[in-house]
Amino acid sequence: MKIAVIDYGLGNVRSVSKAIEFAGANASLTNDKNEISKSDGIVLPGVGAFLKGIENLKQLGLSEMVKDEIHKGKPFLGICLGLQMLFAESEEHGASKGLEIVKGKVVRFKNTLKIPHMGWNTVKLKIENEKLKMKMFENIPDNSFFYFVHSYYVVPEDKSVISATTDYGENFTSAIAKKNLWAVQFHPEKSAENGIKFLKNFLKKCSRKG
């Protein structure tokens, strides 16, 4: 099984690739369209500015490809900035357009806690989303700890896509799932045992067993 980790010049791509390999798959760090299209699953990681991420994807000709692969039904995982860029717009640096795959926006924390939200925090699973929860968080208990680094968070219009939330002065969406699309605000590659379990669940999805 080969997983394409999209390399678009931002963030933690190598650590994500290593974590995927540790979880049991071959990870290809690439921006080659042919290689991405032939993969069993796609991961879009990232740390950094929303607008720069979108610009880099467009310059590489990958923004439309990401949309096409998701619409075709290929298993897809967005991590941190890779989650945020899936949304219609972000208020970072003014209003910036995203990939518009998920309706909603990206907003900045407005509480008085230290920003960025950095470190370990718990992930509360949505009971209403039982089927998604069992797939994304199989063998991971409710309120487990994952590692976060971010100043912005997503606000989906369709609340049914939310599969987990986290509290940091305010309750925010920390994971979404919709058919073949999974995306998380936390960093599985930095989240020790729980992160590897999460990535293994994604690999099950890529092997058509999830």
N, C-alpha and C. Protein backbone atom coordinates (compact mmCIF):
# COMPACT_ATOMS: atom_id res chain seq x y z
N MET A 1 0.84 -1.20 0.00
CA MET A 1 0.00 0.00 0.00
C MET A 1 0.88 1.25 0.00
N LYS A 2 0.58 2.18 -0.89
CA LYS A 2 1.37 3.40 -0.98
C LYS A 2 0.50 4.62 -0.69
N ILE A 3 0.98 5.46 0.22
CA ILE A 3 0.28 6.68 0.60
C ILE A 3 1.08 7.87 0.06
N ALA A 4 0.42 8.76 -0.67
CA ALA A 4 1.06 9.97 -1.17
C ALA A 4 0.92 11.08 -0.14
N VAL A 5 2.04 11.56 0.36
CA VAL A 5 2.06 12.70 1.28
C VAL A 5 2.44 13.92 0.44
N ILE A 6 1.50 14.83 0.28
CA ILE A 6 1.71 15.96 -0.63
C ILE A 6 2.74 16.93 -0.08
N ASP A 7 3.80 17.13 -0.84
CA ASP A 7 4.86 18.06 -0.48
C ASP A 7 4.66 19.36 -1.26
N TYR A 8 4.20 20.39 -0.56
CA TYR A 8 3.96 21.68 -1.22
C TYR A 8 4.75 22.81 -0.56
N GLY A 9 5.81 22.41 0.16
CA GLY A 9 6.75 23.40 0.67
C GLY A 9 6.45 23.98 2.02
N LEU A 10 5.47 23.42 2.74
CA LEU A 10 5.16 23.94 4.07
C LEU A 10 5.07 22.81 5.09
N GLY A 11 5.73 23.00 6.22
CA GLY A 11 5.42 22.20 7.40
C GLY A 11 6.14 20.89 7.56
N ASN A 12 5.41 19.98 8.16
CA ASN A 12 5.97 18.79 8.79
C ASN A 12 5.86 17.55 7.92
N VAL A 13 6.14 17.67 6.63
CA VAL A 13 5.87 16.58 5.71
C VAL A 13 6.73 15.34 5.99
N ARG A 14 7.98 15.52 6.35
CA ARG A 14 8.85 14.36 6.57
C ARG A 14 8.46 13.58 7.82
N SER A 15 8.09 14.28 8.88
CA SER A 15 7.69 13.58 10.10
C SER A 15 6.37 12.84 9.88
N VAL A 16 5.49 13.40 9.05
CA VAL A 16 4.25 12.71 8.71
C VAL A 16 4.55 11.44 7.91
N SER A 17 5.45 11.54 6.96
CA SER A 17 5.83 10.37 6.15
C SER A 17 6.41 9.26 7.02
N LYS A 18 7.27 9.63 7.95
CA LYS A 18 7.89 8.63 8.84
C LYS A 18 6.84 7.97 9.72
N ALA A 19 5.88 8.74 10.20
CA ALA A 19 4.83 8.19 11.06
C ALA A 19 3.95 7.21 10.28
N ILE A 20 3.66 7.53 9.03
CA ILE A 20 2.85 6.64 8.19
C ILE A 20 3.60 5.33 7.94
N GLU A 21 4.89 5.42 7.70
CA GLU A 21 5.69 4.22 7.50
C GLU A 21 5.73 3.38 8.78
N PHE A 22 5.84 4.04 9.93
CA PHE A 22 5.83 3.34 11.20
C PHE A 22 4.48 2.65 11.42
N ALA A 23 3.41 3.26 10.90
CA ALA A 23 2.07 2.69 11.04
C ALA A 23 1.83 1.52 10.09
N GLY A 24 2.71 1.35 9.09
CA GLY A 24 2.63 0.14 8.27
C GLY A 24 2.43 0.30 6.79
N ALA A 25 2.67 1.50 6.23
CA ALA A 25 2.49 1.69 4.78
C ALA A 25 3.73 2.35 4.19
N ASN A 26 3.86 2.27 2.88
CA ASN A 26 4.90 3.02 2.18
C ASN A 26 4.41 4.45 1.98
N ALA A 27 5.22 5.41 2.38
CA ALA A 27 4.85 6.82 2.22
C ALA A 27 5.73 7.47 1.16
N SER A 28 5.09 8.08 0.19
CA SER A 28 5.81 8.78 -0.86
C SER A 28 5.61 10.28 -0.69
N LEU A 29 6.69 10.99 -0.38
CA LEU A 29 6.64 12.44 -0.22
C LEU A 29 6.78 13.06 -1.61
N THR A 30 5.70 13.64 -2.13
CA THR A 30 5.68 13.97 -3.55
C THR A 30 4.76 15.13 -3.88
N ASN A 31 5.04 15.79 -5.00
CA ASN A 31 4.09 16.71 -5.60
C ASN A 31 3.85 16.35 -7.07
N ASP A 32 4.19 15.10 -7.41
CA ASP A 32 4.02 14.59 -8.76
C ASP A 32 2.59 14.07 -8.94
N LYS A 33 1.87 14.64 -9.89
CA LYS A 33 0.46 14.31 -10.09
C LYS A 33 0.25 12.83 -10.40
N ASN A 34 1.11 12.27 -11.22
CA ASN A 34 0.97 10.87 -11.60
C ASN A 34 1.12 9.96 -10.39
N GLU A 35 2.08 10.26 -9.55
CA GLU A 35 2.32 9.45 -8.36
C GLU A 35 1.15 9.58 -7.38
N ILE A 36 0.63 10.80 -7.24
CA ILE A 36 -0.51 11.02 -6.34
C ILE A 36 -1.74 10.25 -6.84
N SER A 37 -1.98 10.28 -8.16
CA SER A 37 -3.16 9.62 -8.72
C SER A 37 -3.10 8.10 -8.58
N LYS A 38 -1.89 7.54 -8.53
CA LYS A 38 -1.73 6.09 -8.43
C LYS A 38 -1.69 5.60 -6.98
N SER A 39 -1.71 6.51 -6.04
CA SER A 39 -1.60 6.12 -4.63
C SER A 39 -2.90 5.49 -4.13
N ASP A 40 -2.80 4.77 -3.01
CA ASP A 40 -3.97 4.17 -2.36
C ASP A 40 -4.67 5.15 -1.44
N GLY A 41 -3.98 6.21 -1.06
CA GLY A 41 -4.55 7.23 -0.19
C GLY A 41 -3.67 8.47 -0.23
N ILE A 42 -4.25 9.60 0.14
CA ILE A 42 -3.53 10.88 0.08
C ILE A 42 -3.57 11.55 1.45
N VAL A 43 -2.43 12.11 1.85
CA VAL A 43 -2.35 12.89 3.08
C VAL A 43 -1.89 14.31 2.72
N LEU A 44 -2.63 15.30 3.19
CA LEU A 44 -2.25 16.69 3.02
C LEU A 44 -1.92 17.25 4.41
N PRO A 45 -0.62 17.31 4.76
CA PRO A 45 -0.23 17.84 6.06
C PRO A 45 -0.02 19.35 5.97
N GLY A 46 0.61 19.93 6.99
CA GLY A 46 0.96 21.34 6.87
C GLY A 46 0.96 22.11 8.17
N VAL A 47 1.92 23.01 8.26
CA VAL A 47 2.00 23.99 9.35
C VAL A 47 2.40 25.30 8.70
N GLY A 48 1.66 26.36 9.00
CA GLY A 48 2.03 27.64 8.41
C GLY A 48 0.81 28.46 8.05
N ALA A 49 1.02 29.44 7.17
CA ALA A 49 -0.03 30.39 6.81
C ALA A 49 -0.99 29.80 5.78
N PHE A 50 -2.26 30.03 6.00
CA PHE A 50 -3.32 29.52 5.12
C PHE A 50 -3.13 29.99 3.68
N LEU A 51 -2.97 31.28 3.47
CA LEU A 51 -2.86 31.84 2.12
C LEU A 51 -1.65 31.29 1.38
N LYS A 52 -0.53 31.16 2.07
CA LYS A 52 0.69 30.63 1.45
C LYS A 52 0.49 29.18 1.04
N GLY A 53 -0.19 28.41 1.88
CA GLY A 53 -0.47 27.02 1.54
C GLY A 53 -1.31 26.90 0.29
N ILE A 54 -2.37 27.69 0.20
CA ILE A 54 -3.24 27.68 -0.99
C ILE A 54 -2.46 28.09 -2.23
N GLU A 55 -1.66 29.14 -2.10
CA GLU A 55 -0.87 29.63 -3.23
C GLU A 55 0.10 28.55 -3.72
N ASN A 56 0.77 27.88 -2.79
CA ASN A 56 1.73 26.83 -3.16
C ASN A 56 1.04 25.68 -3.89
N LEU A 57 -0.12 25.26 -3.39
CA LEU A 57 -0.86 24.18 -4.06
C LEU A 57 -1.25 24.59 -5.48
N LYS A 58 -1.69 25.83 -5.64
CA LYS A 58 -2.09 26.32 -6.97
C LYS A 58 -0.90 26.39 -7.91
N GLN A 59 0.24 26.88 -7.41
CA GLN A 59 1.43 27.00 -8.25
C GLN A 59 1.93 25.64 -8.73
N LEU A 60 1.72 24.62 -7.91
CA LEU A 60 2.12 23.27 -8.28
C LEU A 60 1.06 22.56 -9.11
N GLY A 61 -0.07 23.23 -9.31
CA GLY A 61 -1.16 22.64 -10.06
C GLY A 61 -1.87 21.52 -9.32
N LEU A 62 -1.84 21.59 -7.99
CA LEU A 62 -2.39 20.49 -7.19
C LEU A 62 -3.74 20.79 -6.56
N SER A 63 -4.17 22.04 -6.55
CA SER A 63 -5.43 22.38 -5.88
C SER A 63 -6.62 21.66 -6.53
N GLU A 64 -6.68 21.70 -7.86
CA GLU A 64 -7.78 21.03 -8.56
C GLU A 64 -7.66 19.51 -8.46
N MET A 65 -6.43 19.04 -8.45
CA MET A 65 -6.23 17.59 -8.35
C MET A 65 -6.71 17.05 -7.00
N VAL A 66 -6.43 17.81 -5.93
CA VAL A 66 -6.91 17.42 -4.61
C VAL A 66 -8.43 17.28 -4.63
N LYS A 67 -9.09 18.27 -5.20
CA LYS A 67 -10.56 18.23 -5.29
C LYS A 67 -11.02 17.01 -6.09
N ASP A 68 -10.38 16.77 -7.23
CA ASP A 68 -10.78 15.66 -8.10
C ASP A 68 -10.61 14.31 -7.40
N GLU A 69 -9.47 14.13 -6.72
CA GLU A 69 -9.20 12.84 -6.06
C GLU A 69 -10.19 12.59 -4.93
N ILE A 70 -10.54 13.64 -4.20
CA ILE A 70 -11.53 13.50 -3.13
C ILE A 70 -12.90 13.15 -3.73
N HIS A 71 -13.26 13.85 -4.79
CA HIS A 71 -14.57 13.60 -5.41
C HIS A 71 -14.65 12.22 -6.05
N LYS A 72 -13.50 11.67 -6.45
CA LYS A 72 -13.46 10.31 -7.01
C LYS A 72 -13.64 9.25 -5.94
N GLY A 73 -13.46 9.66 -4.68
CA GLY A 73 -13.64 8.71 -3.58
C GLY A 73 -12.36 8.16 -2.99
N LYS A 74 -11.21 8.71 -3.37
CA LYS A 74 -9.96 8.20 -2.80
C LYS A 74 -9.84 8.61 -1.34
N PRO A 75 -9.41 7.71 -0.45
CA PRO A 75 -9.22 8.07 0.97
C PRO A 75 -8.25 9.25 1.10
N PHE A 76 -8.65 10.23 1.88
CA PHE A 76 -7.90 11.48 1.99
C PHE A 76 -7.86 11.90 3.46
N LEU A 77 -6.68 12.30 3.92
CA LEU A 77 -6.51 12.77 5.29
C LEU A 77 -5.84 14.15 5.27
N GLY A 78 -6.51 15.15 5.84
CA GLY A 78 -5.93 16.47 6.02
C GLY A 78 -5.48 16.64 7.46
N ILE A 79 -4.29 17.20 7.65
CA ILE A 79 -3.73 17.39 9.00
C ILE A 79 -3.40 18.85 9.23
N CYS A 80 -3.95 19.45 10.28
CA CYS A 80 -3.68 20.82 10.72
C CYS A 80 -4.01 21.81 9.59
N LEU A 81 -3.01 22.44 8.99
CA LEU A 81 -3.29 23.34 7.87
C LEU A 81 -3.98 22.59 6.73
N GLY A 82 -3.68 21.31 6.61
CA GLY A 82 -4.31 20.47 5.60
C GLY A 82 -5.81 20.29 5.84
N LEU A 83 -6.24 20.42 7.07
CA LEU A 83 -7.67 20.47 7.39
C LEU A 83 -8.23 21.83 7.00
N GLN A 84 -7.57 22.89 7.43
CA GLN A 84 -8.10 24.24 7.25
C GLN A 84 -8.25 24.62 5.78
N MET A 85 -7.31 24.19 4.94
CA MET A 85 -7.35 24.57 3.52
C MET A 85 -8.51 23.91 2.78
N LEU A 86 -9.11 22.88 3.34
CA LEU A 86 -10.26 22.24 2.71
C LEU A 86 -11.50 23.12 2.75
N PHE A 87 -11.50 24.13 3.64
CA PHE A 87 -12.69 24.95 3.86
C PHE A 87 -12.78 26.09 2.84
N ALA A 88 -13.95 26.72 2.82
CA ALA A 88 -14.23 27.74 1.81
C ALA A 88 -13.38 28.99 1.97
N GLU A 89 -13.16 29.40 3.25
CA GLU A 89 -12.41 30.64 3.45
C GLU A 89 -11.80 30.68 4.84
N SER A 90 -10.81 31.55 4.98
CA SER A 90 -10.16 31.78 6.27
C SER A 90 -10.07 33.27 6.54
N GLU A 91 -10.19 33.65 7.81
CA GLU A 91 -10.05 35.05 8.17
C GLU A 91 -8.60 35.43 8.44
N GLU A 92 -7.67 34.48 8.26
CA GLU A 92 -6.25 34.78 8.44
C GLU A 92 -5.78 35.72 7.34
N HIS A 93 -5.10 36.80 7.70
CA HIS A 93 -4.64 37.82 6.74
C HIS A 93 -5.79 38.39 5.93
N GLY A 94 -6.92 38.65 6.59
CA GLY A 94 -8.12 39.08 5.88
C GLY A 94 -8.85 37.86 5.34
N ALA A 95 -9.79 38.06 4.47
CA ALA A 95 -10.54 36.94 3.92
C ALA A 95 -9.75 36.27 2.79
N SER A 96 -9.41 34.99 2.99
CA SER A 96 -8.67 34.23 1.97
C SER A 96 -9.50 33.03 1.55
N LYS A 97 -9.59 32.79 0.25
CA LYS A 97 -10.35 31.66 -0.25
C LYS A 97 -9.57 30.37 -0.09
N GLY A 98 -10.30 29.31 0.34
CA GLY A 98 -9.70 28.00 0.45
C GLY A 98 -10.06 27.12 -0.73
N LEU A 99 -9.92 25.80 -0.56
CA LEU A 99 -10.22 24.86 -1.63
C LEU A 99 -11.72 24.67 -1.83
N GLU A 100 -12.51 25.07 -0.86
CA GLU A 100 -13.97 25.03 -0.95
C GLU A 100 -14.52 23.61 -1.11
N ILE A 101 -13.84 22.64 -0.50
CA ILE A 101 -14.32 21.26 -0.51
C ILE A 101 -15.33 21.05 0.61
N VAL A 102 -15.13 21.75 1.73
CA VAL A 102 -16.04 21.70 2.87
C VAL A 102 -16.60 23.10 3.09
N LYS A 103 -17.91 23.22 3.22
CA LYS A 103 -18.52 24.52 3.48
C LYS A 103 -18.23 24.95 4.92
N GLY A 104 -17.85 26.23 5.06
CA GLY A 104 -17.53 26.75 6.38
C GLY A 104 -16.32 27.65 6.31
N LYS A 105 -15.82 28.06 7.47
CA LYS A 105 -14.71 29.01 7.49
C LYS A 105 -13.70 28.65 8.58
N VAL A 106 -12.57 29.33 8.50
CA VAL A 106 -11.49 29.16 9.48
C VAL A 106 -11.36 30.47 10.25
N VAL A 107 -11.43 30.39 11.58
CA VAL A 107 -11.42 31.60 12.42
C VAL A 107 -10.32 31.50 13.48
N ARG A 108 -9.95 32.65 14.02
CA ARG A 108 -8.92 32.71 15.05
C ARG A 108 -9.55 32.58 16.43
N PHE A 109 -8.81 31.96 17.35
CA PHE A 109 -9.25 31.92 18.74
C PHE A 109 -9.47 33.34 19.25
N LYS A 110 -10.55 33.53 19.98
CA LYS A 110 -10.87 34.86 20.51
C LYS A 110 -10.90 34.89 22.03
N ASN A 111 -10.46 33.82 22.67
CA ASN A 111 -10.42 33.82 24.14
C ASN A 111 -9.12 34.44 24.65
N THR A 112 -8.93 34.44 25.94
CA THR A 112 -7.77 35.11 26.55
C THR A 112 -6.60 34.16 26.81
N LEU A 113 -6.73 32.90 26.39
CA LEU A 113 -5.64 31.95 26.60
C LEU A 113 -4.50 32.21 25.61
N LYS A 114 -3.36 31.66 25.93
CA LYS A 114 -2.18 31.88 25.09
C LYS A 114 -2.39 31.29 23.69
N ILE A 115 -2.06 32.08 22.69
CA ILE A 115 -2.15 31.66 21.29
C ILE A 115 -0.74 31.69 20.70
N PRO A 116 -0.30 30.65 19.99
CA PRO A 116 -1.09 29.50 19.54
C PRO A 116 -1.42 28.51 20.66
N HIS A 117 -2.49 27.78 20.43
CA HIS A 117 -2.81 26.62 21.26
C HIS A 117 -1.76 25.56 20.93
N MET A 118 -0.89 25.29 21.91
CA MET A 118 0.23 24.40 21.65
C MET A 118 0.38 23.39 22.78
N GLY A 119 0.43 22.11 22.42
CA GLY A 119 0.66 21.07 23.40
C GLY A 119 -0.45 20.02 23.38
N TRP A 120 -0.50 19.24 24.43
CA TRP A 120 -1.44 18.12 24.51
C TRP A 120 -2.80 18.59 24.99
N ASN A 121 -3.84 18.05 24.36
CA ASN A 121 -5.20 18.35 24.77
C ASN A 121 -6.09 17.15 24.42
N THR A 122 -7.25 17.09 25.06
CA THR A 122 -8.13 15.94 24.86
C THR A 122 -9.04 16.15 23.65
N VAL A 123 -9.43 15.03 23.06
CA VAL A 123 -10.33 15.01 21.91
C VAL A 123 -11.61 14.31 22.33
N LYS A 124 -12.71 15.05 22.30
CA LYS A 124 -14.02 14.54 22.70
C LYS A 124 -14.77 14.06 21.48
N LEU A 125 -15.12 12.76 21.45
CA LEU A 125 -15.80 12.19 20.30
C LEU A 125 -17.27 12.54 20.31
N LYS A 126 -17.83 12.75 19.12
CA LYS A 126 -19.26 13.05 19.00
C LYS A 126 -20.05 11.76 19.00
N ILE A 127 -20.85 11.57 20.03
CA ILE A 127 -21.61 10.33 20.15
C ILE A 127 -22.58 10.16 18.98
N GLU A 128 -23.14 11.29 18.49
CA GLU A 128 -24.11 11.22 17.40
C GLU A 128 -23.48 10.66 16.12
N ASN A 129 -22.17 10.78 16.01
CA ASN A 129 -21.46 10.35 14.81
C ASN A 129 -20.82 8.98 15.04
N GLU A 130 -21.59 8.05 15.56
CA GLU A 130 -21.07 6.76 16.02
C GLU A 130 -20.31 6.01 14.93
N LYS A 131 -20.86 5.95 13.73
CA LYS A 131 -20.21 5.19 12.67
C LYS A 131 -18.85 5.80 12.31
N LEU A 132 -18.80 7.13 12.16
CA LEU A 132 -17.55 7.80 11.85
C LEU A 132 -16.56 7.65 13.00
N LYS A 133 -17.06 7.78 14.21
CA LYS A 133 -16.20 7.68 15.39
C LYS A 133 -15.52 6.32 15.43
N MET A 134 -16.28 5.26 15.17
CA MET A 134 -15.73 3.92 15.26
C MET A 134 -14.65 3.68 14.21
N LYS A 135 -14.75 4.36 13.08
CA LYS A 135 -13.74 4.20 12.05
C LYS A 135 -12.51 5.07 12.34
N MET A 136 -12.72 6.34 12.58
CA MET A 136 -11.60 7.26 12.80
C MET A 136 -10.86 6.96 14.11
N PHE A 137 -11.62 6.68 15.13
CA PHE A 137 -11.03 6.56 16.46
C PHE A 137 -11.16 5.16 17.05
N GLU A 138 -11.16 4.16 16.17
CA GLU A 138 -11.21 2.78 16.62
C GLU A 138 -10.01 2.48 17.52
N ASN A 139 -10.26 1.85 18.65
CA ASN A 139 -9.23 1.50 19.65
C ASN A 139 -8.62 2.72 20.34
N ILE A 140 -9.25 3.88 20.19
CA ILE A 140 -8.79 5.10 20.87
C ILE A 140 -9.92 5.57 21.78
N PRO A 141 -9.72 5.59 23.09
CA PRO A 141 -10.79 5.97 24.03
C PRO A 141 -11.20 7.44 23.86
N ASP A 142 -12.45 7.71 24.21
CA ASP A 142 -12.94 9.09 24.25
C ASP A 142 -12.09 9.90 25.21
N ASN A 143 -11.89 11.18 24.90
CA ASN A 143 -11.10 12.11 25.71
C ASN A 143 -9.61 11.74 25.77
N SER A 144 -9.14 11.06 24.74
CA SER A 144 -7.70 10.77 24.65
C SER A 144 -6.94 12.04 24.28
N PHE A 145 -5.65 12.06 24.62
CA PHE A 145 -4.81 13.23 24.35
C PHE A 145 -4.14 13.14 22.98
N PHE A 146 -4.16 14.28 22.28
CA PHE A 146 -3.43 14.44 21.02
C PHE A 146 -2.68 15.77 21.07
N TYR A 147 -1.71 15.93 20.16
CA TYR A 147 -0.84 17.12 20.19
C TYR A 147 -1.32 18.17 19.18
N PHE A 148 -1.43 19.40 19.65
CA PHE A 148 -1.93 20.51 18.83
C PHE A 148 -0.89 21.64 18.71
N VAL A 149 -0.89 22.31 17.56
CA VAL A 149 -0.16 23.58 17.37
C VAL A 149 -0.96 24.40 16.36
N HIS A 150 -1.73 25.39 16.83
CA HIS A 150 -2.52 26.20 15.88
C HIS A 150 -3.10 27.43 16.57
N SER A 151 -3.36 28.44 15.76
CA SER A 151 -3.99 29.68 16.22
C SER A 151 -5.39 29.86 15.66
N TYR A 152 -5.74 29.05 14.65
CA TYR A 152 -7.04 29.13 13.98
C TYR A 152 -7.70 27.76 14.03
N TYR A 153 -9.02 27.75 13.89
CA TYR A 153 -9.74 26.49 13.87
C TYR A 153 -10.92 26.58 12.90
N VAL A 154 -11.43 25.42 12.50
CA VAL A 154 -12.47 25.38 11.48
C VAL A 154 -13.87 25.42 12.10
N VAL A 155 -14.79 26.03 11.35
CA VAL A 155 -16.21 26.08 11.75
C VAL A 155 -17.03 25.56 10.58
N PRO A 156 -17.35 24.26 10.56
CA PRO A 156 -18.13 23.71 9.45
C PRO A 156 -19.58 24.20 9.48
N GLU A 157 -20.14 24.46 8.30
CA GLU A 157 -21.57 24.80 8.22
C GLU A 157 -22.43 23.59 8.55
N ASP A 158 -22.03 22.44 8.02
CA ASP A 158 -22.76 21.19 8.25
C ASP A 158 -22.18 20.53 9.49
N LYS A 159 -22.89 20.61 10.60
CA LYS A 159 -22.38 20.09 11.86
C LYS A 159 -22.30 18.57 11.88
N SER A 160 -22.96 17.90 10.93
CA SER A 160 -22.93 16.44 10.91
C SER A 160 -21.55 15.90 10.52
N VAL A 161 -20.69 16.73 9.92
CA VAL A 161 -19.35 16.25 9.55
C VAL A 161 -18.40 16.24 10.74
N ILE A 162 -18.77 16.89 11.83
CA ILE A 162 -17.89 16.97 13.00
C ILE A 162 -17.84 15.63 13.71
N SER A 163 -16.65 15.06 13.84
CA SER A 163 -16.52 13.79 14.53
C SER A 163 -15.82 13.91 15.88
N ALA A 164 -15.22 15.08 16.17
CA ALA A 164 -14.61 15.29 17.48
C ALA A 164 -14.43 16.78 17.74
N THR A 165 -14.44 17.14 19.01
CA THR A 165 -14.22 18.52 19.42
C THR A 165 -13.19 18.57 20.54
N THR A 166 -12.66 19.76 20.78
CA THR A 166 -11.66 19.97 21.83
C THR A 166 -11.94 21.32 22.47
N ASP A 167 -11.63 21.44 23.74
CA ASP A 167 -11.84 22.70 24.45
C ASP A 167 -10.52 23.41 24.71
N TYR A 168 -10.46 24.67 24.30
CA TYR A 168 -9.33 25.54 24.64
C TYR A 168 -9.88 26.94 24.86
N GLY A 169 -10.51 27.12 26.01
CA GLY A 169 -11.18 28.37 26.30
C GLY A 169 -12.51 28.48 25.59
N GLU A 170 -12.64 27.75 24.52
CA GLU A 170 -13.87 27.65 23.74
C GLU A 170 -13.86 26.29 23.05
N ASN A 171 -15.02 25.77 22.76
CA ASN A 171 -15.13 24.46 22.14
C ASN A 171 -14.93 24.59 20.63
N PHE A 172 -14.00 23.83 20.05
CA PHE A 172 -13.76 23.93 18.61
C PHE A 172 -13.72 22.54 17.98
N THR A 173 -13.93 22.51 16.69
CA THR A 173 -13.90 21.26 15.93
C THR A 173 -12.46 20.79 15.76
N SER A 174 -12.17 19.57 16.22
CA SER A 174 -10.80 19.05 16.09
C SER A 174 -10.70 17.88 15.12
N ALA A 175 -11.85 17.38 14.61
CA ALA A 175 -11.81 16.34 13.58
C ALA A 175 -13.13 16.35 12.80
N ILE A 176 -13.01 16.13 11.49
CA ILE A 176 -14.20 16.00 10.66
C ILE A 176 -14.08 14.73 9.82
N ALA A 177 -15.22 14.21 9.41
CA ALA A 177 -15.23 13.04 8.52
C ALA A 177 -16.46 13.10 7.63
N LYS A 178 -16.25 12.81 6.36
CA LYS A 178 -17.35 12.76 5.41
C LYS A 178 -16.97 11.79 4.29
N LYS A 179 -17.59 10.62 4.32
CA LYS A 179 -17.31 9.57 3.34
C LYS A 179 -15.81 9.24 3.33
N ASN A 180 -15.14 9.50 2.20
CA ASN A 180 -13.72 9.16 2.09
C ASN A 180 -12.79 10.23 2.66
N LEU A 181 -13.35 11.34 3.12
CA LEU A 181 -12.54 12.47 3.59
C LEU A 181 -12.47 12.50 5.12
N TRP A 182 -11.26 12.45 5.65
CA TRP A 182 -11.00 12.65 7.07
C TRP A 182 -10.06 13.85 7.21
N ALA A 183 -10.22 14.62 8.25
CA ALA A 183 -9.29 15.72 8.49
C ALA A 183 -9.29 16.07 9.97
N VAL A 184 -8.11 16.41 10.48
CA VAL A 184 -7.94 16.66 11.92
C VAL A 184 -7.10 17.91 12.16
N GLN A 185 -7.39 18.59 13.27
CA GLN A 185 -6.62 19.76 13.65
C GLN A 185 -5.35 19.37 14.40
N PHE A 186 -5.39 18.25 15.09
CA PHE A 186 -4.21 17.80 15.84
C PHE A 186 -3.19 17.14 14.90
N HIS A 187 -2.03 16.83 15.46
CA HIS A 187 -0.95 16.21 14.70
C HIS A 187 -0.78 14.76 15.11
N PRO A 188 -1.30 13.80 14.33
CA PRO A 188 -1.12 12.40 14.70
C PRO A 188 0.35 12.00 14.76
N GLU A 189 1.16 12.60 13.89
CA GLU A 189 2.59 12.24 13.84
C GLU A 189 3.35 12.68 15.09
N LYS A 190 2.74 13.56 15.90
CA LYS A 190 3.37 14.03 17.14
C LYS A 190 2.63 13.53 18.38
N SER A 191 1.66 12.64 18.16
CA SER A 191 0.75 12.25 19.24
C SER A 191 1.00 10.85 19.79
N ALA A 192 2.24 10.39 19.67
CA ALA A 192 2.67 9.14 20.29
C ALA A 192 1.75 7.98 19.89
N GLU A 193 1.41 7.12 20.85
CA GLU A 193 0.66 5.89 20.57
C GLU A 193 -0.71 6.18 19.96
N ASN A 194 -1.42 7.18 20.48
CA ASN A 194 -2.74 7.50 19.94
C ASN A 194 -2.65 7.95 18.48
N GLY A 195 -1.59 8.68 18.17
CA GLY A 195 -1.42 9.15 16.80
C GLY A 195 -1.17 8.01 15.83
N ILE A 196 -0.36 7.04 16.25
CA ILE A 196 -0.10 5.88 15.39
C ILE A 196 -1.36 5.04 15.22
N LYS A 197 -2.14 4.88 16.29
CA LYS A 197 -3.42 4.17 16.17
C LYS A 197 -4.33 4.86 15.17
N PHE A 198 -4.36 6.18 15.25
CA PHE A 198 -5.20 6.95 14.32
C PHE A 198 -4.75 6.72 12.88
N LEU A 199 -3.44 6.80 12.64
CA LEU A 199 -2.93 6.60 11.28
C LEU A 199 -3.20 5.17 10.79
N LYS A 200 -3.13 4.20 11.69
CA LYS A 200 -3.45 2.82 11.30
C LYS A 200 -4.91 2.71 10.88
N ASN A 201 -5.79 3.45 11.56
CA ASN A 201 -7.21 3.45 11.16
C ASN A 201 -7.37 4.04 9.76
N PHE A 202 -6.60 5.08 9.46
CA PHE A 202 -6.66 5.65 8.12
C PHE A 202 -6.14 4.65 7.08
N LEU A 203 -5.09 3.93 7.43
CA LEU A 203 -4.55 2.93 6.50
C LEU A 203 -5.55 1.81 6.22
N LYS A 204 -6.35 1.46 7.22
CA LYS A 204 -7.42 0.48 7.00
C LYS A 204 -8.40 0.99 5.95
N LYS A 205 -8.70 2.28 6.03
CA LYS A 205 -9.60 2.90 5.06
C LYS A 205 -8.98 2.84 3.65
N CYS A 206 -7.67 3.07 3.57
CA CYS A 206 -6.98 3.06 2.29
C CYS A 206 -6.91 1.64 1.70
N SER A 207 -6.94 0.64 2.56
CA SER A 207 -6.90 -0.75 2.09
C SER A 207 -8.29 -1.29 1.78
N ARG A 208 -9.30 -0.38 1.86
CA ARG A 208 -10.71 -0.70 1.59
C ARG A 208 -11.32 -1.58 2.67
N LYS A 209 -10.64 -1.65 3.84
CA LYS A 209 -11.19 -2.41 4.96
C LYS A 209 -11.84 -1.49 5.99
N GLY A 210 -11.68 -0.17 5.80
CA GLY A 210 -12.19 0.78 6.77
C GLY A 210 -13.55 1.32 6.39
